[in-house]
Amino acid sequence: MTRKHTAGPWIVANEDNGTYIRSKSRYGGMVASVEAGSQPMRDSDARLIAAAPERLEALKVCQVRIFMLEGSENNEYQTATDAIAKATG
């Protein structure tokens, strides 16, 4: 499957003019800007967003394991499938 998002890992960059999520790839492009809320809230939101690539990969592993152990006819498998679809479009 072709990746549709900026390759991870992503990092949080607190800069003079704002809080950003940047790709840690060799080109280091900006992925997102976090602007709402207080600075502690922006930092928390930025960490959550920056963890997205790793969380998506971990969820895909969990989805496969759930399928292997319990099949696809349970709530956990469907929840994982729905979340993956939401993240990948």
N, C-alpha and C. Protein backbone atom coordinates (compact mmCIF):
# COMPACT_ATOMS: atom_id res chain seq x y z
N MET A 1 0.84 -1.18 0.00
CA MET A 1 0.00 0.00 0.00
C MET A 1 0.89 1.24 0.00
N THR A 2 0.53 2.24 -0.79
CA THR A 2 1.30 3.46 -0.89
C THR A 2 0.97 4.39 0.28
N ARG A 3 2.02 4.95 0.86
CA ARG A 3 1.83 5.89 1.97
C ARG A 3 1.26 7.20 1.43
N LYS A 4 0.26 7.74 2.11
CA LYS A 4 -0.35 9.00 1.69
C LYS A 4 0.07 10.16 2.58
N HIS A 5 0.77 9.87 3.65
CA HIS A 5 1.15 10.93 4.58
C HIS A 5 2.66 11.11 4.60
N THR A 6 3.12 12.18 5.21
CA THR A 6 4.54 12.45 5.35
C THR A 6 5.15 11.36 6.21
N ALA A 7 6.26 10.82 5.75
CA ALA A 7 6.91 9.74 6.49
C ALA A 7 7.31 10.19 7.89
N GLY A 8 7.16 9.29 8.84
CA GLY A 8 7.59 9.55 10.21
C GLY A 8 9.04 9.15 10.37
N PRO A 9 9.61 9.31 11.52
CA PRO A 9 8.94 9.88 12.69
C PRO A 9 8.77 11.39 12.57
N TRP A 10 7.84 11.90 13.37
CA TRP A 10 7.61 13.33 13.45
C TRP A 10 8.07 13.82 14.81
N ILE A 11 8.48 15.08 14.87
CA ILE A 11 8.95 15.66 16.13
C ILE A 11 8.20 16.97 16.39
N VAL A 12 8.17 17.36 17.66
CA VAL A 12 7.59 18.64 18.06
C VAL A 12 8.70 19.68 18.05
N ALA A 13 8.43 20.80 17.44
CA ALA A 13 9.40 21.89 17.39
C ALA A 13 8.75 23.15 17.95
N ASN A 14 9.18 23.55 19.15
CA ASN A 14 8.72 24.81 19.72
C ASN A 14 9.67 25.89 19.24
N GLU A 15 9.14 26.79 18.43
CA GLU A 15 9.96 27.85 17.85
C GLU A 15 9.42 29.19 18.32
N ASP A 16 10.17 30.24 18.08
CA ASP A 16 9.78 31.57 18.55
C ASP A 16 8.40 31.98 18.06
N ASN A 17 8.04 31.55 16.87
CA ASN A 17 6.76 31.98 16.30
C ASN A 17 5.67 30.92 16.37
N GLY A 18 5.88 29.82 17.14
CA GLY A 18 4.82 28.85 17.28
C GLY A 18 5.29 27.44 17.58
N THR A 19 4.31 26.54 17.66
CA THR A 19 4.55 25.12 17.92
C THR A 19 4.23 24.36 16.64
N TYR A 20 5.19 23.56 16.18
CA TYR A 20 5.06 22.87 14.91
C TYR A 20 5.36 21.39 15.07
N ILE A 21 4.82 20.61 14.16
CA ILE A 21 5.18 19.21 14.04
C ILE A 21 5.97 19.12 12.74
N ARG A 22 7.17 18.58 12.82
CA ARG A 22 8.05 18.48 11.65
C ARG A 22 8.43 17.03 11.41
N SER A 23 8.65 16.71 10.17
CA SER A 23 9.16 15.39 9.81
C SER A 23 10.62 15.31 10.23
N LYS A 24 11.02 14.18 10.76
CA LYS A 24 12.40 13.98 11.16
C LYS A 24 13.23 13.42 9.99
N SER A 25 12.62 13.35 8.81
CA SER A 25 13.34 12.87 7.63
C SER A 25 14.44 13.85 7.27
N ARG A 26 15.24 13.50 6.32
CA ARG A 26 16.37 14.37 5.99
C ARG A 26 15.94 15.73 5.46
N TYR A 27 14.72 15.85 4.97
CA TYR A 27 14.24 17.14 4.49
C TYR A 27 13.52 17.94 5.58
N GLY A 28 13.05 17.27 6.60
CA GLY A 28 12.49 17.92 7.79
C GLY A 28 11.37 18.91 7.56
N GLY A 29 10.48 18.64 6.64
CA GLY A 29 9.40 19.57 6.36
C GLY A 29 8.38 19.68 7.46
N MET A 30 7.65 20.80 7.48
CA MET A 30 6.61 21.01 8.47
C MET A 30 5.39 20.17 8.10
N VAL A 31 4.87 19.46 9.08
CA VAL A 31 3.68 18.63 8.90
C VAL A 31 2.44 19.40 9.35
N ALA A 32 2.55 20.11 10.47
CA ALA A 32 1.39 20.82 11.02
C ALA A 32 1.84 21.94 11.94
N SER A 33 0.93 22.87 12.16
CA SER A 33 1.13 23.95 13.12
C SER A 33 0.02 23.83 14.16
N VAL A 34 0.37 23.96 15.43
CA VAL A 34 -0.63 23.87 16.50
C VAL A 34 -0.80 25.27 17.08
N GLU A 35 -2.02 25.80 16.98
CA GLU A 35 -2.23 27.20 17.32
C GLU A 35 -3.28 27.44 18.40
N ALA A 36 -4.13 26.47 18.69
CA ALA A 36 -5.24 26.70 19.62
C ALA A 36 -4.83 26.43 21.05
N GLY A 37 -5.37 27.20 21.98
CA GLY A 37 -5.20 26.93 23.40
C GLY A 37 -3.94 27.54 23.99
N SER A 38 -3.75 27.23 25.27
CA SER A 38 -2.58 27.71 26.01
C SER A 38 -1.33 26.96 25.54
N GLN A 39 -0.16 27.44 25.92
CA GLN A 39 1.08 26.76 25.51
C GLN A 39 1.13 25.32 26.00
N PRO A 40 0.77 25.04 27.28
CA PRO A 40 0.77 23.63 27.69
C PRO A 40 -0.19 22.77 26.86
N MET A 41 -1.35 23.32 26.49
CA MET A 41 -2.29 22.57 25.67
C MET A 41 -1.72 22.36 24.27
N ARG A 42 -1.11 23.39 23.69
CA ARG A 42 -0.50 23.24 22.36
C ARG A 42 0.61 22.18 22.39
N ASP A 43 1.41 22.18 23.46
CA ASP A 43 2.47 21.18 23.58
C ASP A 43 1.89 19.76 23.65
N SER A 44 0.83 19.59 24.43
CA SER A 44 0.18 18.28 24.54
C SER A 44 -0.41 17.84 23.21
N ASP A 45 -1.10 18.75 22.54
CA ASP A 45 -1.67 18.43 21.23
C ASP A 45 -0.58 18.08 20.23
N ALA A 46 0.51 18.83 20.25
CA ALA A 46 1.61 18.59 19.32
C ALA A 46 2.23 17.21 19.55
N ARG A 47 2.41 16.82 20.81
CA ARG A 47 2.96 15.49 21.10
C ARG A 47 2.04 14.39 20.60
N LEU A 48 0.73 14.58 20.78
CA LEU A 48 -0.25 13.61 20.31
C LEU A 48 -0.19 13.47 18.79
N ILE A 49 -0.14 14.59 18.09
CA ILE A 49 -0.05 14.57 16.63
C ILE A 49 1.26 13.95 16.17
N ALA A 50 2.36 14.33 16.80
CA ALA A 50 3.68 13.84 16.40
C ALA A 50 3.80 12.32 16.56
N ALA A 51 3.04 11.74 17.46
CA ALA A 51 3.09 10.29 17.67
C ALA A 51 2.25 9.51 16.66
N ALA A 52 1.51 10.20 15.82
CA ALA A 52 0.56 9.54 14.92
C ALA A 52 1.18 8.47 14.01
N PRO A 53 2.30 8.71 13.35
CA PRO A 53 2.83 7.64 12.47
C PRO A 53 3.14 6.34 13.22
N GLU A 54 3.76 6.46 14.40
CA GLU A 54 4.08 5.27 15.19
C GLU A 54 2.82 4.60 15.71
N ARG A 55 1.83 5.38 16.12
CA ARG A 55 0.58 4.80 16.61
C ARG A 55 -0.17 4.08 15.51
N LEU A 56 -0.15 4.63 14.30
CA LEU A 56 -0.81 3.97 13.17
C LEU A 56 -0.17 2.62 12.90
N GLU A 57 1.14 2.57 12.87
CA GLU A 57 1.83 1.30 12.62
C GLU A 57 1.54 0.30 13.74
N ALA A 58 1.54 0.75 14.99
CA ALA A 58 1.24 -0.14 16.12
C ALA A 58 -0.19 -0.67 16.03
N LEU A 59 -1.12 0.19 15.64
CA LEU A 59 -2.52 -0.23 15.52
C LEU A 59 -2.69 -1.27 14.42
N LYS A 60 -1.95 -1.13 13.33
CA LYS A 60 -2.02 -2.12 12.25
C LYS A 60 -1.56 -3.49 12.75
N VAL A 61 -0.50 -3.51 13.57
CA VAL A 61 -0.01 -4.77 14.15
C VAL A 61 -1.08 -5.36 15.08
N CYS A 62 -1.68 -4.52 15.92
CA CYS A 62 -2.72 -5.00 16.83
C CYS A 62 -3.92 -5.54 16.06
N GLN A 63 -4.30 -4.88 14.99
CA GLN A 63 -5.43 -5.34 14.18
C GLN A 63 -5.16 -6.75 13.65
N VAL A 64 -3.98 -6.99 13.14
CA VAL A 64 -3.64 -8.32 12.61
C VAL A 64 -3.68 -9.36 13.73
N ARG A 65 -3.14 -9.01 14.88
CA ARG A 65 -3.13 -9.96 16.00
C ARG A 65 -4.54 -10.27 16.48
N ILE A 66 -5.38 -9.26 16.55
CA ILE A 66 -6.77 -9.49 16.94
C ILE A 66 -7.44 -10.44 15.94
N PHE A 67 -7.21 -10.18 14.66
CA PHE A 67 -7.79 -11.04 13.63
C PHE A 67 -7.31 -12.47 13.77
N MET A 68 -6.02 -12.66 14.02
CA MET A 68 -5.46 -14.00 14.15
C MET A 68 -6.02 -14.73 15.36
N LEU A 69 -6.26 -14.01 16.45
CA LEU A 69 -6.73 -14.64 17.68
C LEU A 69 -8.25 -14.80 17.74
N GLU A 70 -8.98 -13.81 17.19
CA GLU A 70 -10.42 -13.79 17.39
C GLU A 70 -11.25 -13.64 16.13
N GLY A 71 -10.60 -13.44 14.99
CA GLY A 71 -11.34 -13.22 13.77
C GLY A 71 -11.82 -11.79 13.65
N SER A 72 -12.65 -11.56 12.65
CA SER A 72 -13.08 -10.18 12.37
C SER A 72 -14.45 -9.85 12.93
N GLU A 73 -15.07 -10.78 13.59
CA GLU A 73 -16.43 -10.56 14.09
C GLU A 73 -16.43 -10.15 15.55
N ASN A 74 -15.67 -9.12 15.89
CA ASN A 74 -15.70 -8.60 17.26
C ASN A 74 -15.48 -7.10 17.25
N ASN A 75 -15.82 -6.45 18.34
CA ASN A 75 -15.77 -4.99 18.42
C ASN A 75 -14.35 -4.45 18.32
N GLU A 76 -13.37 -5.12 18.92
CA GLU A 76 -12.00 -4.61 18.91
C GLU A 76 -11.43 -4.57 17.49
N TYR A 77 -11.68 -5.64 16.74
CA TYR A 77 -11.20 -5.67 15.35
C TYR A 77 -11.84 -4.55 14.54
N GLN A 78 -13.14 -4.39 14.69
CA GLN A 78 -13.84 -3.35 13.93
C GLN A 78 -13.40 -1.96 14.34
N THR A 79 -13.18 -1.75 15.63
CA THR A 79 -12.71 -0.44 16.11
C THR A 79 -11.35 -0.12 15.51
N ALA A 80 -10.45 -1.10 15.50
CA ALA A 80 -9.11 -0.90 14.91
C ALA A 80 -9.22 -0.63 13.41
N THR A 81 -10.06 -1.39 12.72
CA THR A 81 -10.25 -1.20 11.29
C THR A 81 -10.79 0.19 10.98
N ASP A 82 -11.76 0.63 11.75
CA ASP A 82 -12.34 1.96 11.55
C ASP A 82 -11.32 3.07 11.78
N ALA A 83 -10.51 2.92 12.83
CA ALA A 83 -9.51 3.93 13.14
C ALA A 83 -8.43 4.00 12.05
N ILE A 84 -8.03 2.84 11.55
CA ILE A 84 -7.05 2.81 10.46
C ILE A 84 -7.63 3.48 9.21
N ALA A 85 -8.87 3.18 8.90
CA ALA A 85 -9.52 3.80 7.74
C ALA A 85 -9.61 5.31 7.91
N LYS A 86 -9.91 5.76 9.10
CA LYS A 86 -10.00 7.20 9.36
C LYS A 86 -8.65 7.87 9.15
N ALA A 87 -7.59 7.20 9.58
CA ALA A 87 -6.25 7.77 9.47
C ALA A 87 -5.69 7.73 8.05
N THR A 88 -6.09 6.72 7.29
CA THR A 88 -5.50 6.55 5.97
C THR A 88 -6.39 7.02 4.83
N GLY A 89 -7.62 7.36 5.15
CA GLY A 89 -8.52 7.86 4.11
C GLY A 89 -9.17 6.76 3.40
